Amino acid sequence: MTDPPLRDPSESKGLWKSLSDLSFITIASDHAPHSLPEKSSPDAREIRPGIPGLETTLPLLLTKVNRGELSLKQMIECLAERPAKIFKLQGKGRLEERADADITLIDLNSEHTIDPQKFHSKAKYSPFAGQKCKGKASKVFIAGQLVFDEGEVIAPPGTGRILEGVAQ
């Protein structure tokens, strides 16, 4: 038994079509940093929900960008601009004067295979294990501070803050 349950491939195709039509509001990942033992139980009520998506969302979307199935502009709108607007997160979601300088530098040409054993999370599994991707984050800056550099988290533990916004 899995939680979330696996879906029919036609549902996945429908979601991608909706995204290309810009009928999606946002794209979000469910990090769900649970280990496999935490996700395994014969009793469905004990299974922790979600899948680890923190380290796969961007490379999977960049692969779609590289294939011409999604524009870089659409991806940025759905991952950054719209969520910031919906939750009224001041200074987030855009690169402009007085914004927080949250910046992800991407390498559109980097080819790699998703390997959950290399995840920084304790969730060392993924439904996308073995999938080939083209494109990844090379550097991440939060409020102008470099926190991720070429595959390594360099920010000290406890870096960051909880964002408080108000949904519309």
N, C-alpha and C. Protein backbone atom coordinates (compact mmCIF):
# COMPACT_ATOMS: atom_id res chain seq x y z
N MET A 1 0.84 -1.17 0.00
CA MET A 1 0.00 0.00 0.00
C MET A 1 0.89 1.24 0.00
N THR A 2 0.54 2.23 -0.80
CA THR A 2 1.32 3.45 -0.84
C THR A 2 0.44 4.65 -0.49
N ASP A 3 1.06 5.67 0.03
CA ASP A 3 0.35 6.90 0.35
C ASP A 3 1.26 8.06 -0.03
N PRO A 4 1.04 8.81 -1.07
CA PRO A 4 -0.19 8.81 -1.86
C PRO A 4 -0.24 7.58 -2.76
N PRO A 5 -1.45 7.15 -3.14
CA PRO A 5 -1.56 5.99 -4.04
C PRO A 5 -1.03 6.32 -5.42
N LEU A 6 -0.48 5.33 -6.09
CA LEU A 6 -0.02 5.53 -7.45
C LEU A 6 -1.22 5.79 -8.34
N ARG A 7 -1.05 6.65 -9.31
CA ARG A 7 -2.14 7.05 -10.19
C ARG A 7 -1.97 6.42 -11.58
N ASP A 8 -3.06 6.39 -12.31
CA ASP A 8 -3.05 5.91 -13.68
C ASP A 8 -2.22 6.88 -14.53
N PRO A 9 -1.42 6.36 -15.47
CA PRO A 9 -0.60 7.25 -16.32
C PRO A 9 -1.41 8.32 -17.06
N SER A 10 -2.67 8.05 -17.36
CA SER A 10 -3.47 9.06 -18.07
C SER A 10 -3.69 10.30 -17.19
N GLU A 11 -3.75 10.11 -15.87
CA GLU A 11 -3.90 11.26 -14.97
C GLU A 11 -2.65 12.14 -15.00
N SER A 12 -1.50 11.51 -15.05
CA SER A 12 -0.25 12.26 -15.13
C SER A 12 -0.18 13.05 -16.43
N LYS A 13 -0.57 12.43 -17.53
CA LYS A 13 -0.57 13.14 -18.82
C LYS A 13 -1.52 14.32 -18.77
N GLY A 14 -2.66 14.16 -18.13
CA GLY A 14 -3.62 15.25 -18.01
C GLY A 14 -3.07 16.41 -17.20
N LEU A 15 -2.33 16.10 -16.14
CA LEU A 15 -1.72 17.16 -15.34
C LEU A 15 -0.70 17.94 -16.16
N TRP A 16 0.15 17.23 -16.92
CA TRP A 16 1.15 17.92 -17.75
C TRP A 16 0.47 18.78 -18.81
N LYS A 17 -0.62 18.28 -19.40
CA LYS A 17 -1.33 19.07 -20.40
C LYS A 17 -1.90 20.33 -19.76
N SER A 18 -2.46 20.21 -18.58
CA SER A 18 -3.01 21.38 -17.88
C SER A 18 -1.91 22.40 -17.61
N LEU A 19 -0.73 21.93 -17.25
CA LEU A 19 0.38 22.84 -16.99
C LEU A 19 0.76 23.60 -18.25
N SER A 20 0.83 22.90 -19.37
CA SER A 20 1.20 23.58 -20.61
C SER A 20 0.13 24.57 -21.05
N ASP A 21 -1.11 24.35 -20.62
CA ASP A 21 -2.20 25.28 -20.92
C ASP A 21 -2.28 26.42 -19.90
N LEU A 22 -1.36 26.42 -18.93
CA LEU A 22 -1.31 27.40 -17.86
C LEU A 22 -2.58 27.42 -17.00
N SER A 23 -3.25 26.28 -16.89
CA SER A 23 -4.43 26.24 -16.03
C SER A 23 -4.05 25.87 -14.60
N PHE A 24 -2.78 25.53 -14.36
CA PHE A 24 -2.32 25.30 -13.00
C PHE A 24 -2.09 26.63 -12.31
N ILE A 25 -2.25 26.66 -11.04
CA ILE A 25 -1.93 27.88 -10.29
C ILE A 25 -0.48 27.83 -9.85
N THR A 26 -0.07 26.72 -9.25
CA THR A 26 1.31 26.58 -8.78
C THR A 26 1.79 25.14 -8.95
N ILE A 27 3.08 24.96 -8.77
CA ILE A 27 3.66 23.62 -8.64
C ILE A 27 4.34 23.62 -7.29
N ALA A 28 4.09 22.60 -6.50
CA ALA A 28 4.71 22.50 -5.19
C ALA A 28 5.22 21.07 -5.00
N SER A 29 6.25 20.94 -4.19
CA SER A 29 6.75 19.60 -3.88
C SER A 29 6.30 19.23 -2.48
N ASP A 30 6.10 17.96 -2.29
CA ASP A 30 5.80 17.42 -0.97
C ASP A 30 7.10 16.80 -0.51
N HIS A 31 7.79 17.47 0.41
CA HIS A 31 9.09 16.93 0.78
C HIS A 31 8.95 15.59 1.48
N ALA A 32 8.07 15.47 2.46
CA ALA A 32 7.83 14.20 3.16
C ALA A 32 9.14 13.47 3.46
N PRO A 33 9.94 13.96 4.39
CA PRO A 33 11.28 13.41 4.62
C PRO A 33 11.30 12.13 5.45
N HIS A 34 10.34 11.25 5.23
CA HIS A 34 10.24 10.04 6.02
C HIS A 34 11.16 8.95 5.47
N SER A 35 11.70 8.15 6.37
CA SER A 35 12.51 7.01 5.94
C SER A 35 11.57 5.91 5.46
N LEU A 36 12.11 4.92 4.76
CA LEU A 36 11.27 3.82 4.28
C LEU A 36 10.57 3.08 5.41
N PRO A 37 11.23 2.80 6.54
CA PRO A 37 10.49 2.15 7.63
C PRO A 37 9.31 2.98 8.12
N GLU A 38 9.44 4.31 8.10
CA GLU A 38 8.33 5.17 8.50
C GLU A 38 7.18 5.14 7.48
N LYS A 39 7.50 4.75 6.26
CA LYS A 39 6.50 4.69 5.19
C LYS A 39 5.90 3.30 5.01
N SER A 40 6.37 2.33 5.81
CA SER A 40 5.94 0.95 5.61
C SER A 40 5.11 0.46 6.79
N SER A 41 3.94 -0.05 6.48
CA SER A 41 3.08 -0.63 7.50
C SER A 41 1.93 -1.36 6.81
N PRO A 42 1.54 -2.50 7.35
CA PRO A 42 0.36 -3.16 6.77
C PRO A 42 -0.93 -2.40 7.09
N ASP A 43 -0.86 -1.50 8.08
CA ASP A 43 -2.02 -0.70 8.48
C ASP A 43 -1.92 0.67 7.81
N ALA A 44 -2.82 0.94 6.87
CA ALA A 44 -2.78 2.19 6.10
C ALA A 44 -2.84 3.42 7.00
N ARG A 45 -3.44 3.30 8.17
CA ARG A 45 -3.55 4.46 9.07
C ARG A 45 -2.21 4.84 9.68
N GLU A 46 -1.24 3.95 9.61
CA GLU A 46 0.07 4.22 10.18
C GLU A 46 1.09 4.71 9.16
N ILE A 47 0.74 4.68 7.88
CA ILE A 47 1.68 5.09 6.83
C ILE A 47 1.76 6.61 6.79
N ARG A 48 2.98 7.12 6.82
CA ARG A 48 3.19 8.56 6.70
C ARG A 48 2.93 8.97 5.26
N PRO A 49 2.13 10.00 5.04
CA PRO A 49 1.80 10.38 3.66
C PRO A 49 2.92 11.15 2.97
N GLY A 50 2.83 11.21 1.65
CA GLY A 50 3.74 12.02 0.85
C GLY A 50 4.91 11.24 0.29
N ILE A 51 5.62 11.90 -0.61
CA ILE A 51 6.85 11.36 -1.19
C ILE A 51 7.92 12.45 -1.13
N PRO A 52 9.18 12.06 -1.09
CA PRO A 52 10.23 13.08 -1.09
C PRO A 52 10.31 13.74 -2.47
N GLY A 53 10.09 15.06 -2.50
CA GLY A 53 10.13 15.77 -3.76
C GLY A 53 11.08 16.95 -3.77
N LEU A 54 11.66 17.25 -2.62
CA LEU A 54 12.52 18.42 -2.50
C LEU A 54 13.69 18.39 -3.49
N GLU A 55 14.28 17.22 -3.68
CA GLU A 55 15.47 17.14 -4.51
C GLU A 55 15.19 16.65 -5.92
N THR A 56 13.92 16.42 -6.24
CA THR A 56 13.59 15.94 -7.59
C THR A 56 12.73 16.91 -8.39
N THR A 57 12.00 17.80 -7.72
CA THR A 57 11.07 18.68 -8.43
C THR A 57 11.77 19.51 -9.50
N LEU A 58 12.81 20.23 -9.13
CA LEU A 58 13.48 21.11 -10.10
C LEU A 58 14.13 20.33 -11.24
N PRO A 59 14.91 19.27 -10.98
CA PRO A 59 15.50 18.55 -12.12
C PRO A 59 14.45 17.93 -13.05
N LEU A 60 13.35 17.45 -12.51
CA LEU A 60 12.30 16.88 -13.36
C LEU A 60 11.67 17.97 -14.23
N LEU A 61 11.43 19.13 -13.65
CA LEU A 61 10.85 20.23 -14.43
C LEU A 61 11.84 20.78 -15.45
N LEU A 62 13.11 20.87 -15.08
CA LEU A 62 14.12 21.34 -16.04
C LEU A 62 14.28 20.38 -17.21
N THR A 63 14.06 19.10 -16.97
CA THR A 63 14.08 18.12 -18.05
C THR A 63 12.95 18.41 -19.02
N LYS A 64 11.77 18.75 -18.50
CA LYS A 64 10.64 19.14 -19.35
C LYS A 64 10.97 20.41 -20.13
N VAL A 65 11.66 21.35 -19.49
CA VAL A 65 12.08 22.59 -20.18
C VAL A 65 13.02 22.23 -21.33
N ASN A 66 14.00 21.38 -21.05
CA ASN A 66 14.96 20.99 -22.08
C ASN A 66 14.30 20.26 -23.25
N ARG A 67 13.23 19.55 -22.98
CA ARG A 67 12.51 18.83 -24.04
C ARG A 67 11.54 19.73 -24.80
N GLY A 68 11.38 20.97 -24.34
CA GLY A 68 10.45 21.88 -24.99
C GLY A 68 9.00 21.66 -24.58
N GLU A 69 8.78 20.91 -23.51
CA GLU A 69 7.43 20.60 -23.04
C GLU A 69 6.92 21.63 -22.03
N LEU A 70 7.80 22.51 -21.60
CA LEU A 70 7.49 23.53 -20.60
C LEU A 70 8.47 24.67 -20.83
N SER A 71 8.00 25.89 -20.75
CA SER A 71 8.94 27.00 -20.91
C SER A 71 9.56 27.34 -19.56
N LEU A 72 10.74 27.91 -19.60
CA LEU A 72 11.41 28.34 -18.38
C LEU A 72 10.55 29.38 -17.67
N LYS A 73 9.92 30.25 -18.44
CA LYS A 73 9.03 31.28 -17.87
C LYS A 73 7.85 30.64 -17.12
N GLN A 74 7.22 29.62 -17.72
CA GLN A 74 6.10 28.94 -17.05
C GLN A 74 6.57 28.30 -15.74
N MET A 75 7.75 27.67 -15.79
CA MET A 75 8.27 27.00 -14.60
C MET A 75 8.49 28.01 -13.48
N ILE A 76 9.10 29.15 -13.79
CA ILE A 76 9.36 30.17 -12.79
C ILE A 76 8.05 30.73 -12.23
N GLU A 77 7.09 30.96 -13.10
CA GLU A 77 5.79 31.45 -12.64
C GLU A 77 5.15 30.48 -11.65
N CYS A 78 5.16 29.20 -11.99
CA CYS A 78 4.48 28.19 -11.16
C CYS A 78 5.23 27.84 -9.88
N LEU A 79 6.56 27.94 -9.90
CA LEU A 79 7.35 27.58 -8.71
C LEU A 79 7.61 28.76 -7.78
N ALA A 80 7.67 29.97 -8.32
CA ALA A 80 8.08 31.11 -7.50
C ALA A 80 7.07 32.25 -7.47
N GLU A 81 6.73 32.77 -8.64
CA GLU A 81 5.91 33.98 -8.68
C GLU A 81 4.50 33.77 -8.12
N ARG A 82 3.81 32.76 -8.60
CA ARG A 82 2.43 32.54 -8.15
C ARG A 82 2.34 32.17 -6.67
N PRO A 83 3.17 31.25 -6.16
CA PRO A 83 3.07 30.96 -4.72
C PRO A 83 3.30 32.20 -3.86
N ALA A 84 4.28 33.02 -4.23
CA ALA A 84 4.56 34.24 -3.45
C ALA A 84 3.35 35.17 -3.47
N LYS A 85 2.72 35.26 -4.62
CA LYS A 85 1.54 36.13 -4.74
C LYS A 85 0.36 35.57 -3.94
N ILE A 86 0.09 34.29 -4.08
CA ILE A 86 -1.04 33.66 -3.38
C ILE A 86 -0.91 33.82 -1.87
N PHE A 87 0.29 33.60 -1.35
CA PHE A 87 0.51 33.66 0.10
C PHE A 87 0.98 35.03 0.58
N LYS A 88 0.96 36.00 -0.34
CA LYS A 88 1.33 37.37 -0.01
C LYS A 88 2.68 37.45 0.71
N LEU A 89 3.66 36.78 0.14
CA LEU A 89 5.01 36.76 0.71
C LEU A 89 5.80 37.93 0.13
N GLN A 90 5.87 38.99 0.89
CA GLN A 90 6.56 40.21 0.45
C GLN A 90 8.04 39.93 0.19
N GLY A 91 8.54 40.41 -0.93
CA GLY A 91 9.95 40.27 -1.26
C GLY A 91 10.31 38.90 -1.81
N LYS A 92 9.32 38.05 -2.08
CA LYS A 92 9.58 36.70 -2.56
C LYS A 92 9.00 36.51 -3.96
N GLY A 93 9.56 35.56 -4.69
CA GLY A 93 9.00 35.14 -5.97
C GLY A 93 9.44 35.92 -7.19
N ARG A 94 10.17 37.01 -7.00
CA ARG A 94 10.59 37.85 -8.14
C ARG A 94 11.99 38.41 -7.89
N LEU A 95 12.68 38.67 -8.97
CA LEU A 95 13.96 39.37 -8.89
C LEU A 95 13.70 40.82 -9.23
N GLU A 96 13.72 41.65 -8.22
CA GLU A 96 13.50 43.08 -8.43
C GLU A 96 14.06 43.84 -7.24
N GLU A 97 14.15 45.15 -7.40
CA GLU A 97 14.65 46.01 -6.34
C GLU A 97 13.81 45.80 -5.07
N ARG A 98 14.46 45.74 -3.94
CA ARG A 98 13.88 45.54 -2.61
C ARG A 98 13.37 44.12 -2.36
N ALA A 99 13.56 43.21 -3.30
CA ALA A 99 13.20 41.81 -3.07
C ALA A 99 14.31 41.16 -2.24
N ASP A 100 14.06 39.97 -1.74
CA ASP A 100 14.97 39.31 -0.80
C ASP A 100 16.21 38.67 -1.42
N ALA A 101 16.38 38.72 -2.71
CA ALA A 101 17.53 38.10 -3.38
C ALA A 101 17.59 36.60 -3.13
N ASP A 102 16.43 35.95 -3.25
CA ASP A 102 16.37 34.49 -3.26
C ASP A 102 16.58 34.08 -4.71
N ILE A 103 17.71 33.44 -4.98
CA ILE A 103 18.09 33.17 -6.37
C ILE A 103 18.58 31.73 -6.49
N THR A 104 18.10 31.05 -7.51
CA THR A 104 18.60 29.72 -7.84
C THR A 104 19.26 29.81 -9.21
N LEU A 105 20.55 29.52 -9.26
CA LEU A 105 21.25 29.45 -10.54
C LEU A 105 21.13 28.02 -11.04
N ILE A 106 20.74 27.88 -12.29
CA ILE A 106 20.55 26.54 -12.84
C ILE A 106 21.53 26.26 -13.96
N ASP A 107 21.87 25.01 -14.08
CA ASP A 107 22.69 24.52 -15.17
C ASP A 107 21.76 23.69 -16.05
N LEU A 108 21.32 24.27 -17.17
CA LEU A 108 20.38 23.58 -18.05
C LEU A 108 20.99 22.40 -18.77
N ASN A 109 22.31 22.30 -18.82
CA ASN A 109 22.97 21.24 -19.60
C ASN A 109 23.45 20.07 -18.76
N SER A 110 23.40 20.18 -17.45
CA SER A 110 23.89 19.11 -16.59
C SER A 110 23.00 17.87 -16.72
N GLU A 111 23.59 16.76 -17.11
CA GLU A 111 22.85 15.51 -17.22
C GLU A 111 23.21 14.62 -16.04
N HIS A 112 22.19 14.07 -15.42
CA HIS A 112 22.41 13.19 -14.28
C HIS A 112 21.23 12.25 -14.12
N THR A 113 21.40 11.26 -13.29
CA THR A 113 20.35 10.29 -13.00
C THR A 113 19.96 10.46 -11.54
N ILE A 114 18.66 10.46 -11.28
CA ILE A 114 18.20 10.61 -9.89
C ILE A 114 18.64 9.40 -9.08
N ASP A 115 19.41 9.69 -8.04
CA ASP A 115 19.95 8.65 -7.15
C ASP A 115 19.58 9.02 -5.72
N PRO A 116 18.53 8.42 -5.18
CA PRO A 116 18.07 8.76 -3.83
C PRO A 116 19.14 8.57 -2.74
N GLN A 117 20.11 7.72 -2.99
CA GLN A 117 21.16 7.52 -1.99
C GLN A 117 22.02 8.77 -1.82
N LYS A 118 21.95 9.67 -2.78
CA LYS A 118 22.70 10.93 -2.70
C LYS A 118 21.86 12.08 -2.14
N PHE A 119 20.61 11.82 -1.81
CA PHE A 119 19.76 12.87 -1.25
C PHE A 119 20.33 13.36 0.07
N HIS A 120 20.14 14.62 0.37
CA HIS A 120 20.55 15.17 1.66
C HIS A 120 19.54 14.79 2.74
N SER A 121 18.34 14.48 2.34
CA SER A 121 17.26 14.10 3.24
C SER A 121 17.47 12.68 3.78
N LYS A 122 16.78 12.36 4.87
CA LYS A 122 16.81 10.99 5.36
C LYS A 122 15.94 10.08 4.49
N ALA A 123 15.14 10.66 3.60
CA ALA A 123 14.32 9.89 2.68
C ALA A 123 15.21 9.44 1.52
N LYS A 124 15.72 8.25 1.60
CA LYS A 124 16.66 7.75 0.59
C LYS A 124 15.95 6.88 -0.44
N TYR A 125 14.77 7.31 -0.88
CA TYR A 125 14.01 6.60 -1.89
C TYR A 125 13.25 7.63 -2.72
N SER A 126 12.83 7.21 -3.90
CA SER A 126 12.05 8.10 -4.77
C SER A 126 11.38 7.28 -5.85
N PRO A 127 10.15 7.64 -6.21
CA PRO A 127 9.53 6.96 -7.35
C PRO A 127 10.26 7.32 -8.66
N PHE A 128 11.14 8.31 -8.62
CA PHE A 128 11.87 8.74 -9.81
C PHE A 128 13.30 8.20 -9.84
N ALA A 129 13.63 7.29 -8.92
CA ALA A 129 14.99 6.72 -8.89
C ALA A 129 15.32 6.13 -10.26
N GLY A 130 16.51 6.47 -10.74
CA GLY A 130 16.97 5.96 -12.02
C GLY A 130 16.55 6.80 -13.22
N GLN A 131 15.68 7.78 -13.00
CA GLN A 131 15.24 8.62 -14.12
C GLN A 131 16.34 9.58 -14.52
N LYS A 132 16.59 9.67 -15.82
CA LYS A 132 17.61 10.59 -16.33
C LYS A 132 17.02 11.99 -16.43
N CYS A 133 17.80 12.98 -15.99
CA CYS A 133 17.37 14.37 -16.00
C CYS A 133 18.42 15.22 -16.70
N LYS A 134 17.95 16.32 -17.25
CA LYS A 134 18.86 17.30 -17.85
C LYS A 134 18.49 18.65 -17.26
N GLY A 135 19.38 19.16 -16.41
CA GLY A 135 19.18 20.43 -15.73
C GLY A 135 19.14 20.23 -14.23
N LYS A 136 19.81 21.13 -13.51
CA LYS A 136 19.80 21.05 -12.05
C LYS A 136 20.20 22.39 -11.46
N ALA A 137 19.95 22.54 -10.17
CA ALA A 137 20.40 23.74 -9.45
C ALA A 137 21.90 23.63 -9.25
N SER A 138 22.61 24.72 -9.54
CA SER A 138 24.05 24.71 -9.27
C SER A 138 24.38 25.52 -8.02
N LYS A 139 23.64 26.61 -7.81
CA LYS A 139 23.84 27.43 -6.61
C LYS A 139 22.48 27.96 -6.16
N VAL A 140 22.30 28.10 -4.85
CA VAL A 140 21.09 28.68 -4.30
C VAL A 140 21.50 29.74 -3.28
N PHE A 141 20.91 30.91 -3.44
CA PHE A 141 21.11 32.02 -2.51
C PHE A 141 19.77 32.31 -1.85
N ILE A 142 19.76 32.45 -0.54
CA ILE A 142 18.57 32.86 0.19
C ILE A 142 18.92 34.18 0.88
N ALA A 143 18.12 35.20 0.57
CA ALA A 143 18.38 36.55 1.07
C ALA A 143 19.83 36.97 0.78
N GLY A 144 20.30 36.58 -0.40
CA GLY A 144 21.63 36.97 -0.84
C GLY A 144 22.76 36.11 -0.30
N GLN A 145 22.47 35.17 0.59
CA GLN A 145 23.50 34.30 1.18
C GLN A 145 23.56 32.97 0.43
N LEU A 146 24.75 32.56 0.01
CA LEU A 146 24.93 31.28 -0.66
C LEU A 146 24.68 30.16 0.35
N VAL A 147 23.69 29.29 0.06
CA VAL A 147 23.34 28.21 0.98
C VAL A 147 23.53 26.82 0.36
N PHE A 148 23.65 26.78 -0.98
CA PHE A 148 23.81 25.51 -1.69
C PHE A 148 24.76 25.76 -2.83
N ASP A 149 25.80 24.92 -2.95
CA ASP A 149 26.82 25.13 -3.96
C ASP A 149 27.23 23.80 -4.59
N GLU A 150 26.90 23.64 -5.86
CA GLU A 150 27.29 22.46 -6.65
C GLU A 150 27.03 21.14 -5.91
N GLY A 151 25.80 20.98 -5.45
CA GLY A 151 25.39 19.71 -4.85
C GLY A 151 25.57 19.62 -3.34
N GLU A 152 26.14 20.62 -2.72
CA GLU A 152 26.38 20.58 -1.28
C GLU A 152 25.66 21.71 -0.56
N VAL A 153 24.99 21.36 0.52
CA VAL A 153 24.39 22.37 1.39
C VAL A 153 25.52 22.96 2.20
N ILE A 154 25.70 24.27 2.13
CA ILE A 154 26.80 24.90 2.86
C ILE A 154 26.30 25.81 3.98
N ALA A 155 25.01 25.97 4.08
CA ALA A 155 24.45 26.79 5.17
C ALA A 155 24.54 26.00 6.47
N PRO A 156 24.84 26.67 7.58
CA PRO A 156 24.88 25.96 8.85
C PRO A 156 23.47 25.55 9.29
N PRO A 157 23.36 24.50 10.10
CA PRO A 157 22.05 24.10 10.61
C PRO A 157 21.35 25.27 11.30
N GLY A 158 20.06 25.36 11.08
CA GLY A 158 19.28 26.43 11.69
C GLY A 158 19.18 27.67 10.84
N THR A 159 19.83 27.66 9.67
CA THR A 159 19.74 28.80 8.77
C THR A 159 18.34 28.89 8.20
N GLY A 160 17.86 30.10 8.02
CA GLY A 160 16.54 30.30 7.42
C GLY A 160 15.54 30.76 8.45
N ARG A 161 14.34 30.97 7.98
CA ARG A 161 13.27 31.41 8.87
C ARG A 161 11.94 30.93 8.31
N ILE A 162 10.95 30.86 9.15
CA ILE A 162 9.62 30.49 8.72
C ILE A 162 8.98 31.72 8.08
N LEU A 163 8.42 31.54 6.91
CA LEU A 163 7.75 32.64 6.21
C LEU A 163 6.28 32.64 6.61
N GLU A 164 5.80 33.80 6.93
CA GLU A 164 4.39 33.91 7.26
C GLU A 164 3.71 34.75 6.20
N GLY A 165 2.70 34.17 5.62
CA GLY A 165 1.93 34.85 4.59
C GLY A 165 0.46 34.64 4.88
N VAL A 166 -0.33 35.22 4.04
CA VAL A 166 -1.78 35.10 4.18
C VAL A 166 -2.33 34.66 2.84
N ALA A 167 -2.98 33.50 2.80
CA ALA A 167 -3.56 33.03 1.54
C ALA A 167 -4.73 33.93 1.14
N GLN A 168 -4.88 34.11 -0.16
CA GLN A 168 -5.98 34.94 -0.67
C GLN A 168 -7.28 34.20 -0.60
